[in-house]
Amino acid sequence: MEVLGYFASILIGISLGLIGSGGSILTVPVLVYLFHINPLLATTYSLCVVGASSIAGVISRVKQKLVDIKTIIVFGIPSVLGVFIARKFFLPNIPESIHLGNNIVSKSNFIMLFFASLMLISALSMILGKNKKEVEGILPVYGLALIMVGLGEGMLTGIVGAGGGFLIIPALVLLGKLPMKKAIASSIFIISIKSIVGFVGDLSHTIIDWKFLITIVLLATLGIIIGNYLNKKMDGAKLKKGFGWFVLGMACVIFIEQFFFAI
């Protein structure tokens, strides 16, 4: 299983490089199911893996002039603040046992179910949304809605240790009116910053297996270099739908595992 886990670590990077997201969607399940790491610790490791490996993608996208700096400021800063609030105040106060209907679930199970719920909502918005042809010359929108969604996205993904691209990309495309490839590039930039901030905030109260973590980061970085190369050869509109189906599939796997094997 560990060999499969190391291979999946490369896929984490490929996902980030190709579609600007999916790294955390793969990272948490890989760490939990293939390396048997506690979900709470997996959220911390996920922040480091996604944040550090994203740097390679950021450098490539900046060179291609695809990163929208105003979007980074308007959406990214509130998102980073949201991660800090979630990791500092919300996550430590989630009770160890939570009632869901007639079932009692652990804090770890709740985090995985919450994670899958966010993935499901995001996937449906991407799949069911109108697949309009991207039109050149449409100006990006920088409004209060983008600021508030950035804050909310940071808080939600901060709880589950996700980079948040599966929420960031729809927000930038639908609210910010960014072309898909610019949304992907800006998403990777935001993910790298807020994931590293969230990870650093966890260091004071978390025991880290640095040898293991660095290995996963290096493999994911290799993957993101491969993903960057593939991204240049693919159409943005097709990536949107394909990404939605990918997220939906991962959400279903987690729901099935949690409801039939964990609870």
C-alpha atoms as a PDB file:
ATOM      1  CA  MET A   1       0.000   0.000   0.000  1.00  0.00           C
ATOM      2  CA  GLU A   2       2.875   2.361   0.763  1.00  0.00           C
ATOM      3  CA  VAL A   3       4.356   1.860  -2.720  1.00  0.00           C
ATOM      4  CA  LEU A   4       0.957   2.781  -4.159  1.00  0.00           C
ATOM      5  CA  GLY A   5       0.911   5.788  -1.825  1.00  0.00           C
ATOM      6  CA  TYR A   6       4.243   7.075  -3.142  1.00  0.00           C
ATOM      7  CA  PHE A   7       3.014   6.686  -6.722  1.00  0.00           C
ATOM      8  CA  ALA A   8      -0.198   8.528  -5.789  1.00  0.00           C
ATOM      9  CA  SER A   9       1.975  11.351  -4.405  1.00  0.00           C
ATOM     10  CA  ILE A  10       3.170  12.029  -7.954  1.00  0.00           C
ATOM     11  CA  LEU A  11      -0.466  12.121  -9.090  1.00  0.00           C
ATOM     12  CA  ILE A  12      -1.101  14.788  -6.412  1.00  0.00           C
ATOM     13  CA  GLY A  13       1.357  17.087  -8.178  1.00  0.00           C
ATOM     14  CA  ILE A  14       0.110  16.200 -11.666  1.00  0.00           C
ATOM     15  CA  SER A  15      -3.406  17.162 -10.554  1.00  0.00           C
ATOM     16  CA  LEU A  16      -2.211  20.530  -9.238  1.00  0.00           C
ATOM     17  CA  GLY A  17      -0.149  21.308 -12.318  1.00  0.00           C
ATOM     18  CA  LEU A  18      -2.839  20.210 -14.763  1.00  0.00           C
ATOM     19  CA  ILE A  19      -6.003  21.705 -13.269  1.00  0.00           C
ATOM     20  CA  GLY A  20      -4.790  24.018 -10.475  1.00  0.00           C
ATOM     21  CA  SER A  21      -6.453  21.893  -7.843  1.00  0.00           C
ATOM     22  CA  GLY A  22      -7.150  18.355  -6.743  1.00  0.00           C
ATOM     23  CA  GLY A  23      -3.841  18.137  -4.878  1.00  0.00           C
ATOM     24  CA  SER A  24      -5.468  18.250  -1.462  1.00  0.00           C
ATOM     25  CA  ILE A  25      -8.389  16.142  -2.671  1.00  0.00           C
ATOM     26  CA  LEU A  26      -5.867  13.400  -3.367  1.00  0.00           C
ATOM     27  CA  THR A  27      -3.459  14.152  -0.513  1.00  0.00           C
ATOM     28  CA  VAL A  28      -5.797  13.636   2.431  1.00  0.00           C
ATOM     29  CA  PRO A  29      -7.245  10.297   1.171  1.00  0.00           C
ATOM     30  CA  VAL A  30      -3.746   9.086   0.185  1.00  0.00           C
ATOM     31  CA  LEU A  31      -2.342   9.859   3.638  1.00  0.00           C
ATOM     32  CA  VAL A  32      -5.348   8.403   5.466  1.00  0.00           C
ATOM     33  CA  TYR A  33      -6.060   5.286   3.392  1.00  0.00           C
ATOM     34  CA  LEU A  34      -2.645   4.337   1.955  1.00  0.00           C
ATOM     35  CA  PHE A  35      -0.271   5.513   4.712  1.00  0.00           C
ATOM     36  CA  HIS A  36      -2.768   5.040   7.592  1.00  0.00           C
ATOM     37  CA  ILE A  37      -2.202   8.499   9.052  1.00  0.00           C
ATOM     38  CA  ASN A  38      -4.772  10.017  11.416  1.00  0.00           C
ATOM     39  CA  PRO A  39      -7.085  12.375   9.447  1.00  0.00           C
ATOM     40  CA  LEU A  40      -6.309  15.310  11.749  1.00  0.00           C
ATOM     41  CA  LEU A  41      -2.546  14.923  11.219  1.00  0.00           C
ATOM     42  CA  ALA A  42      -3.204  14.286   7.512  1.00  0.00           C
ATOM     43  CA  THR A  43      -4.770  17.756   7.209  1.00  0.00           C
ATOM     44  CA  THR A  44      -1.521  19.279   8.534  1.00  0.00           C
ATOM     45  CA  TYR A  45       0.662  17.189   6.220  1.00  0.00           C
ATOM     46  CA  SER A  46      -1.657  18.048   3.322  1.00  0.00           C
ATOM     47  CA  LEU A  47      -1.107  21.769   3.824  1.00  0.00           C
ATOM     48  CA  CYS A  48       2.673  21.292   3.603  1.00  0.00           C
ATOM     49  CA  VAL A  49       2.592  18.933   0.602  1.00  0.00           C
ATOM     50  CA  VAL A  50       0.198  21.092  -1.413  1.00  0.00           C
ATOM     51  CA  GLY A  51       1.793  24.401  -0.390  1.00  0.00           C
ATOM     52  CA  ALA A  52       5.412  23.427  -1.016  1.00  0.00           C
ATOM     53  CA  SER A  53       4.832  21.513  -4.258  1.00  0.00           C
ATOM     54  CA  SER A  54       2.660  24.344  -5.630  1.00  0.00           C
ATOM     55  CA  ILE A  55       5.680  26.660  -5.743  1.00  0.00           C
ATOM     56  CA  ALA A  56       6.931  24.928  -8.906  1.00  0.00           C
ATOM     57  CA  GLY A  57       3.546  25.572 -10.520  1.00  0.00           C
ATOM     58  CA  VAL A  58       3.561  29.212  -9.404  1.00  0.00           C
ATOM     59  CA  ILE A  59       6.953  29.892 -11.011  1.00  0.00           C
ATOM     60  CA  SER A  60       5.830  28.360 -14.315  1.00  0.00           C
ATOM     61  CA  ARG A  61       2.510  30.295 -14.395  1.00  0.00           C
ATOM     62  CA  VAL A  62       4.186  33.631 -13.509  1.00  0.00           C
ATOM     63  CA  LYS A  63       6.566  33.164 -16.439  1.00  0.00           C
ATOM     64  CA  GLN A  64       3.555  32.566 -18.711  1.00  0.00           C
ATOM     65  CA  LYS A  65       1.914  35.769 -17.332  1.00  0.00           C
ATOM     66  CA  LEU A  66      -1.237  33.859 -16.365  1.00  0.00           C
ATOM     67  CA  VAL A  67      -1.372  34.938 -12.700  1.00  0.00           C
ATOM     68  CA  ASP A  68      -3.861  37.769 -12.034  1.00  0.00           C
ATOM     69  CA  ILE A  69      -2.273  39.873  -9.259  1.00  0.00           C
ATOM     70  CA  LYS A  70      -5.438  41.817  -8.358  1.00  0.00           C
ATOM     71  CA  THR A  71      -7.286  38.544  -7.860  1.00  0.00           C
ATOM     72  CA  ILE A  72      -4.486  37.349  -5.570  1.00  0.00           C
ATOM     73  CA  ILE A  73      -4.993  40.452  -3.426  1.00  0.00           C
ATOM     74  CA  VAL A  74      -8.808  40.603  -3.431  1.00  0.00           C
ATOM     75  CA  PHE A  75      -9.439  36.864  -2.999  1.00  0.00           C
ATOM     76  CA  GLY A  76      -6.134  35.532  -1.665  1.00  0.00           C
ATOM     77  CA  ILE A  77      -5.626  37.748   1.397  1.00  0.00           C
ATOM     78  CA  PRO A  78      -9.108  37.023   2.858  1.00  0.00           C
ATOM     79  CA  SER A  79      -8.539  33.330   2.070  1.00  0.00           C
ATOM     80  CA  VAL A  80      -5.277  33.263   4.047  1.00  0.00           C
ATOM     81  CA  LEU A  81      -7.035  35.034   6.936  1.00  0.00           C
ATOM     82  CA  GLY A  82      -9.797  32.418   6.810  1.00  0.00           C
ATOM     83  CA  VAL A  83      -7.252  29.577   7.067  1.00  0.00           C
ATOM     84  CA  PHE A  84      -5.679  31.203  10.122  1.00  0.00           C
ATOM     85  CA  ILE A  85      -9.055  31.606  11.844  1.00  0.00           C
ATOM     86  CA  ALA A  86     -10.060  27.998  11.106  1.00  0.00           C
ATOM     87  CA  ARG A  87      -6.789  26.367  12.239  1.00  0.00           C
ATOM     88  CA  LYS A  88      -6.385  28.606  15.298  1.00  0.00           C
ATOM     89  CA  PHE A  89      -9.944  28.778  16.649  1.00  0.00           C
ATOM     90  CA  PHE A  90     -12.410  26.420  14.909  1.00  0.00           C
ATOM     91  CA  LEU A  91     -10.489  23.143  14.497  1.00  0.00           C
ATOM     92  CA  PRO A  92      -9.252  22.853  18.124  1.00  0.00           C
ATOM     93  CA  ASN A  93     -12.833  23.360  19.384  1.00  0.00           C
ATOM     94  CA  ILE A  94     -14.499  20.600  17.350  1.00  0.00           C
ATOM     95  CA  PRO A  95     -15.583  17.963  19.939  1.00  0.00           C
ATOM     96  CA  GLU A  96     -14.044  14.470  19.819  1.00  0.00           C
ATOM     97  CA  SER A  97     -17.501  12.874  19.387  1.00  0.00           C
ATOM     98  CA  ILE A  98     -20.276  14.359  17.223  1.00  0.00           C
ATOM     99  CA  HIS A  99     -23.910  13.226  16.844  1.00  0.00           C
ATOM    100  CA  LEU A 100     -25.081  12.797  13.229  1.00  0.00           C
ATOM    101  CA  GLY A 101     -28.678  11.583  13.388  1.00  0.00           C
ATOM    102  CA  ASN A 102     -28.639   8.260  15.251  1.00  0.00           C
ATOM    103  CA  ASN A 103     -24.894   7.835  14.776  1.00  0.00           C
ATOM    104  CA  ILE A 104     -21.993   9.122  16.827  1.00  0.00           C
ATOM    105  CA  VAL A 105     -18.915   9.903  14.733  1.00  0.00           C
ATOM    106  CA  SER A 106     -15.405  10.760  15.819  1.00  0.00           C
ATOM    107  CA  LYS A 107     -13.724  14.074  15.095  1.00  0.00           C
ATOM    108  CA  SER A 108     -11.618  12.349  12.401  1.00  0.00           C
ATOM    109  CA  ASN A 109     -14.687  10.865  10.683  1.00  0.00           C
ATOM    110  CA  PHE A 110     -16.458  14.233  10.813  1.00  0.00           C
ATOM    111  CA  ILE A 111     -13.504  15.965   9.118  1.00  0.00           C
ATOM    112  CA  MET A 112     -13.539  13.405   6.282  1.00  0.00           C
ATOM    113  CA  LEU A 113     -17.330  13.704   5.816  1.00  0.00           C
ATOM    114  CA  PHE A 114     -17.147  17.509   5.866  1.00  0.00           C
ATOM    115  CA  PHE A 115     -14.312  17.339   3.335  1.00  0.00           C
ATOM    116  CA  ALA A 116     -16.360  15.092   1.020  1.00  0.00           C
ATOM    117  CA  SER A 117     -19.398  17.408   1.316  1.00  0.00           C
ATOM    118  CA  LEU A 118     -17.352  20.397   0.122  1.00  0.00           C
ATOM    119  CA  MET A 119     -16.047  18.327  -2.763  1.00  0.00           C
ATOM    120  CA  LEU A 120     -19.571  17.259  -3.766  1.00  0.00           C
ATOM    121  CA  ILE A 121     -20.908  20.839  -3.817  1.00  0.00           C
ATOM    122  CA  SER A 122     -17.935  22.051  -5.851  1.00  0.00           C
ATOM    123  CA  ALA A 123     -18.166  19.151  -8.328  1.00  0.00           C
ATOM    124  CA  LEU A 124     -21.851  19.723  -9.032  1.00  0.00           C
ATOM    125  CA  SER A 125     -21.300  23.453  -9.607  1.00  0.00           C
ATOM    126  CA  MET A 126     -18.608  22.685 -12.195  1.00  0.00           C
ATOM    127  CA  ILE A 127     -20.507  19.859 -13.935  1.00  0.00           C
ATOM    128  CA  LEU A 128     -23.968  21.472 -14.026  1.00  0.00           C
ATOM    129  CA  GLY A 129     -22.765  25.008 -14.739  1.00  0.00           C
ATOM    130  CA  LYS A 130     -23.131  26.310 -18.264  1.00  0.00           C
ATOM    131  CA  ASN A 131     -20.089  25.425 -20.290  1.00  0.00           C
ATOM    132  CA  LYS A 132     -19.799  28.743 -22.068  1.00  0.00           C
ATOM    133  CA  LYS A 133     -17.089  29.311 -24.581  1.00  0.00           C
ATOM    134  CA  GLU A 134     -14.442  31.586 -23.135  1.00  0.00           C
ATOM    135  CA  VAL A 135     -14.548  34.987 -24.794  1.00  0.00           C
ATOM    136  CA  GLU A 136     -11.455  37.116 -25.086  1.00  0.00           C
ATOM    137  CA  GLY A 137     -11.543  40.653 -23.751  1.00  0.00           C
ATOM    138  CA  ILE A 138     -13.944  40.145 -20.797  1.00  0.00           C
ATOM    139  CA  LEU A 139     -12.588  42.136 -17.844  1.00  0.00           C
ATOM    140  CA  PRO A 140     -12.169  40.379 -14.471  1.00  0.00           C
ATOM    141  CA  VAL A 141     -14.504  41.419 -11.637  1.00  0.00           C
ATOM    142  CA  TYR A 142     -13.050  42.446  -8.257  1.00  0.00           C
ATOM    143  CA  GLY A 143     -15.954  42.957  -5.874  1.00  0.00           C
ATOM    144  CA  LEU A 144     -17.123  42.443  -2.299  1.00  0.00           C
ATOM    145  CA  ALA A 145     -18.568  39.039  -3.233  1.00  0.00           C
ATOM    146  CA  LEU A 146     -15.099  37.788  -4.184  1.00  0.00           C
ATOM    147  CA  ILE A 147     -13.677  39.045  -0.869  1.00  0.00           C
ATOM    148  CA  MET A 148     -16.378  37.335   1.223  1.00  0.00           C
ATOM    149  CA  VAL A 149     -16.153  34.079  -0.736  1.00  0.00           C
ATOM    150  CA  GLY A 150     -12.371  34.148  -0.272  1.00  0.00           C
ATOM    151  CA  LEU A 151     -12.772  34.463   3.503  1.00  0.00           C
ATOM    152  CA  GLY A 152     -15.372  31.694   3.615  1.00  0.00           C
ATOM    153  CA  GLU A 153     -13.335  29.400   1.373  1.00  0.00           C
ATOM    154  CA  GLY A 154     -10.272  29.895   3.571  1.00  0.00           C
ATOM    155  CA  MET A 155     -12.225  28.997   6.715  1.00  0.00           C
ATOM    156  CA  LEU A 156     -13.854  25.909   5.182  1.00  0.00           C
ATOM    157  CA  THR A 157     -10.712  24.485   3.611  1.00  0.00           C
ATOM    158  CA  GLY A 158      -8.627  25.424   6.661  1.00  0.00           C
ATOM    159  CA  ILE A 159     -10.671  22.967   8.704  1.00  0.00           C
ATOM    160  CA  VAL A 160      -9.961  20.036   6.363  1.00  0.00           C
ATOM    161  CA  GLY A 161      -6.378  20.974   5.440  1.00  0.00           C
ATOM    162  CA  ALA A 162      -7.234  21.428   1.785  1.00  0.00           C
ATOM    163  CA  GLY A 163      -5.581  23.777  -0.654  1.00  0.00           C
ATOM    164  CA  GLY A 164      -9.084  24.733  -1.735  1.00  0.00           C
ATOM    165  CA  GLY A 165      -8.650  24.838  -5.496  1.00  0.00           C
ATOM    166  CA  PHE A 166     -11.870  22.878  -5.911  1.00  0.00           C
ATOM    167  CA  LEU A 167     -13.642  25.922  -4.404  1.00  0.00           C
ATOM    168  CA  ILE A 168     -11.277  28.684  -5.564  1.00  0.00           C
ATOM    169  CA  ILE A 169     -11.478  27.867  -9.282  1.00  0.00           C
ATOM    170  CA  PRO A 170     -15.310  27.989  -9.522  1.00  0.00           C
ATOM    171  CA  ALA A 171     -15.296  31.266  -7.550  1.00  0.00           C
ATOM    172  CA  LEU A 172     -12.717  32.896  -9.827  1.00  0.00           C
ATOM    173  CA  VAL A 173     -14.448  31.667 -12.988  1.00  0.00           C
ATOM    174  CA  LEU A 174     -18.057  32.418 -11.963  1.00  0.00           C
ATOM    175  CA  LEU A 175     -17.607  35.516  -9.752  1.00  0.00           C
ATOM    176  CA  GLY A 176     -14.255  36.877 -10.919  1.00  0.00           C
ATOM    177  CA  LYS A 177     -14.933  36.240 -14.639  1.00  0.00           C
ATOM    178  CA  LEU A 178     -11.409  34.944 -15.162  1.00  0.00           C
ATOM    179  CA  PRO A 179     -10.639  32.643 -18.100  1.00  0.00           C
ATOM    180  CA  MET A 180     -10.157  29.057 -16.931  1.00  0.00           C
ATOM    181  CA  LYS A 181      -6.385  28.961 -17.395  1.00  0.00           C
ATOM    182  CA  LYS A 182      -5.930  32.272 -15.537  1.00  0.00           C
ATOM    183  CA  ALA A 183      -8.182  30.972 -12.764  1.00  0.00           C
ATOM    184  CA  ILE A 184      -6.024  27.837 -12.522  1.00  0.00           C
ATOM    185  CA  ALA A 185      -2.816  29.883 -12.370  1.00  0.00           C
ATOM    186  CA  SER A 186      -4.183  32.287  -9.750  1.00  0.00           C
ATOM    187  CA  SER A 187      -5.587  29.346  -7.766  1.00  0.00           C
ATOM    188  CA  ILE A 188      -2.154  27.693  -7.553  1.00  0.00           C
ATOM    189  CA  PHE A 189      -0.625  30.972  -6.311  1.00  0.00           C
ATOM    190  CA  ILE A 190      -3.287  31.386  -3.610  1.00  0.00           C
ATOM    191  CA  ILE A 191      -3.050  27.710  -2.612  1.00  0.00           C
ATOM    192  CA  SER A 192       0.724  27.887  -2.147  1.00  0.00           C
ATOM    193  CA  ILE A 193       0.536  30.917   0.143  1.00  0.00           C
ATOM    194  CA  LYS A 194      -2.354  29.895   2.355  1.00  0.00           C
ATOM    195  CA  SER A 195      -1.319  26.243   2.642  1.00  0.00           C
ATOM    196  CA  ILE A 196       2.149  27.192   3.864  1.00  0.00           C
ATOM    197  CA  VAL A 197       0.659  29.721   6.316  1.00  0.00           C
ATOM    198  CA  GLY A 198      -1.704  27.055   7.662  1.00  0.00           C
ATOM    199  CA  PHE A 199       1.101  24.492   8.002  1.00  0.00           C
ATOM    200  CA  VAL A 200       3.428  26.893   9.828  1.00  0.00           C
ATOM    201  CA  GLY A 201       0.598  27.683  12.236  1.00  0.00           C
ATOM    202  CA  ASP A 202       0.266  23.962  13.064  1.00  0.00           C
ATOM    203  CA  LEU A 203       3.973  23.409  13.802  1.00  0.00           C
ATOM    204  CA  SER A 204       3.724  24.605  17.405  1.00  0.00           C
ATOM    205  CA  HIS A 205       1.355  21.795  18.414  1.00  0.00           C
ATOM    206  CA  THR A 206       2.094  18.969  15.936  1.00  0.00           C
ATOM    207  CA  ILE A 207       4.808  16.275  15.843  1.00  0.00           C
ATOM    208  CA  ILE A 208       6.070  16.019  12.256  1.00  0.00           C
ATOM    209  CA  ASP A 209       7.780  13.045  10.589  1.00  0.00           C
ATOM    210  CA  TRP A 210      10.020  15.267   8.452  1.00  0.00           C
ATOM    211  CA  LYS A 211      11.702  12.466   6.471  1.00  0.00           C
ATOM    212  CA  PHE A 212       8.348  11.087   5.337  1.00  0.00           C
ATOM    213  CA  LEU A 213       6.863  14.516   4.667  1.00  0.00           C
ATOM    214  CA  ILE A 214       9.824  15.750   2.587  1.00  0.00           C
ATOM    215  CA  THR A 215       9.669  12.561   0.475  1.00  0.00           C
ATOM    216  CA  ILE A 216       5.995  13.169  -0.324  1.00  0.00           C
ATOM    217  CA  VAL A 217       6.678  16.847  -1.103  1.00  0.00           C
ATOM    218  CA  LEU A 218       9.479  15.954  -3.551  1.00  0.00           C
ATOM    219  CA  LEU A 219       7.318  13.382  -5.340  1.00  0.00           C
ATOM    220  CA  ALA A 220       4.403  15.841  -5.571  1.00  0.00           C
ATOM    221  CA  THR A 221       6.774  18.509  -6.928  1.00  0.00           C
ATOM    222  CA  LEU A 222       7.890  16.102  -9.648  1.00  0.00           C
ATOM    223  CA  GLY A 223       4.228  15.551 -10.464  1.00  0.00           C
ATOM    224  CA  ILE A 224       3.420  19.249 -10.712  1.00  0.00           C
ATOM    225  CA  ILE A 225       6.243  19.742 -13.231  1.00  0.00           C
ATOM    226  CA  ILE A 226       4.675  16.999 -15.355  1.00  0.00           C
ATOM    227  CA  GLY A 227       1.223  18.553 -14.884  1.00  0.00           C
ATOM    228  CA  ASN A 228       2.463  21.981 -15.968  1.00  0.00           C
ATOM    229  CA  TYR A 229       3.703  20.472 -19.238  1.00  0.00           C
ATOM    230  CA  LEU A 230       0.374  18.712 -19.890  1.00  0.00           C
ATOM    231  CA  ASN A 231      -1.624  21.858 -19.047  1.00  0.00           C
ATOM    232  CA  LYS A 232      -0.106  23.774 -21.965  1.00  0.00           C
ATOM    233  CA  LYS A 233      -1.584  21.251 -24.400  1.00  0.00           C
ATOM    234  CA  MET A 234      -5.187  21.156 -23.083  1.00  0.00           C
ATOM    235  CA  ASP A 235      -8.278  23.340 -23.569  1.00  0.00           C
ATOM    236  CA  GLY A 236      -9.536  25.311 -20.515  1.00  0.00           C
ATOM    237  CA  ALA A 237     -13.255  24.629 -21.090  1.00  0.00           C
ATOM    238  CA  LYS A 238     -12.696  20.872 -21.250  1.00  0.00           C
ATOM    239  CA  LEU A 239     -10.599  21.002 -18.086  1.00  0.00           C
ATOM    240  CA  LYS A 240     -13.528  22.537 -16.190  1.00  0.00           C
ATOM    241  CA  LYS A 241     -15.947  19.668 -16.858  1.00  0.00           C
ATOM    242  CA  GLY A 242     -13.308  16.981 -16.482  1.00  0.00           C
ATOM    243  CA  PHE A 243     -12.216  18.446 -13.164  1.00  0.00           C
ATOM    244  CA  GLY A 244     -15.808  18.429 -11.919  1.00  0.00           C
ATOM    245  CA  TRP A 245     -16.223  14.714 -12.650  1.00  0.00           C
ATOM    246  CA  PHE A 246     -12.902  13.969 -10.991  1.00  0.00           C
ATOM    247  CA  VAL A 247     -13.926  15.749  -7.783  1.00  0.00           C
ATOM    248  CA  LEU A 248     -17.339  14.038  -7.809  1.00  0.00           C
ATOM    249  CA  GLY A 249     -15.724  10.614  -8.062  1.00  0.00           C
ATOM    250  CA  MET A 250     -13.390  11.274  -5.141  1.00  0.00           C
ATOM    251  CA  ALA A 251     -16.282  12.595  -3.008  1.00  0.00           C
ATOM    252  CA  CYS A 252     -18.320   9.426  -3.643  1.00  0.00           C
ATOM    253  CA  VAL A 253     -15.379   7.200  -2.662  1.00  0.00           C
ATOM    254  CA  ILE A 254     -14.940   9.032   0.653  1.00  0.00           C
ATOM    255  CA  PHE A 255     -18.688   8.979   1.436  1.00  0.00           C
ATOM    256  CA  ILE A 256     -18.898   5.236   0.772  1.00  0.00           C
ATOM    257  CA  GLU A 257     -15.839   4.502   2.900  1.00  0.00           C
ATOM    258  CA  GLN A 258     -17.015   6.652   5.807  1.00  0.00           C
ATOM    259  CA  PHE A 259     -20.648   5.477   5.889  1.00  0.00           C
ATOM    260  CA  PHE A 260     -20.103   1.758   5.260  1.00  0.00           C
ATOM    261  CA  PHE A 261     -16.695   1.100   6.809  1.00  0.00           C
ATOM    262  CA  ALA A 262     -15.930   3.845   9.355  1.00  0.00           C
ATOM    263  CA  ILE A 263     -19.265   4.599  11.102  1.00  0.00           C
END
